[in-house]
Amino acid sequence: MILTILYTGLSGCFNCEECGPTDDEPYVNLHFYRKSDLSPVSVAIREFNGRLGEEILYFQDTTSQFILPLSMSADSSMIILKYISSDNYELEITDTIEISYERIIETTPKNIVELSSQNTQVLIHTFDSLVLICKDTLGICNSNESTIQAFF
């Protein structure tokens, strides 16, 4: 039994490069635009799927783009955003977007787990209009390279 514990302890990871996962869960980039003149608009996220904006590190500031994490425990993510626009701080807006994707979990030869997704699609949304832009030319639509332009 002591040999088993010793072997287990010696076969573990010795530095951060030997263990995974190495990246956060896949995401899509979300950019906000005014529908009236198609220009970027800054927003402040008040709530993200029920969590207050100030509880989420990267949603504290007012900006025109956000990184939306995708869940790797399902083939789609339903995201509910409550936000205010820099155009009108009095009006809180709630929009919903559901994104589907094919989950990919791979282990490298060094036993590093890599999470990714492809075939990203927007299933439903409540924005006035929305455009999904995939940067690859093969039609794979990798999530981390995809941008959603949301107009409100």
Foldseek 3Di string as FASTA:
>chain_A
DVVVVVVVVVPDDDDPVLEDDPDDAFWAKEFEAAPVPRHGWWKQWQDKPRHGQVVDVQRHDTDGMDIGGFDLVDQKDKIWTWIDTPVDNVDIDIKIWMKGWAWDWDADPSRHTYTWTWPIDIDDMDAPDKDKDAPDPVRGRTRNRIYMYGYD
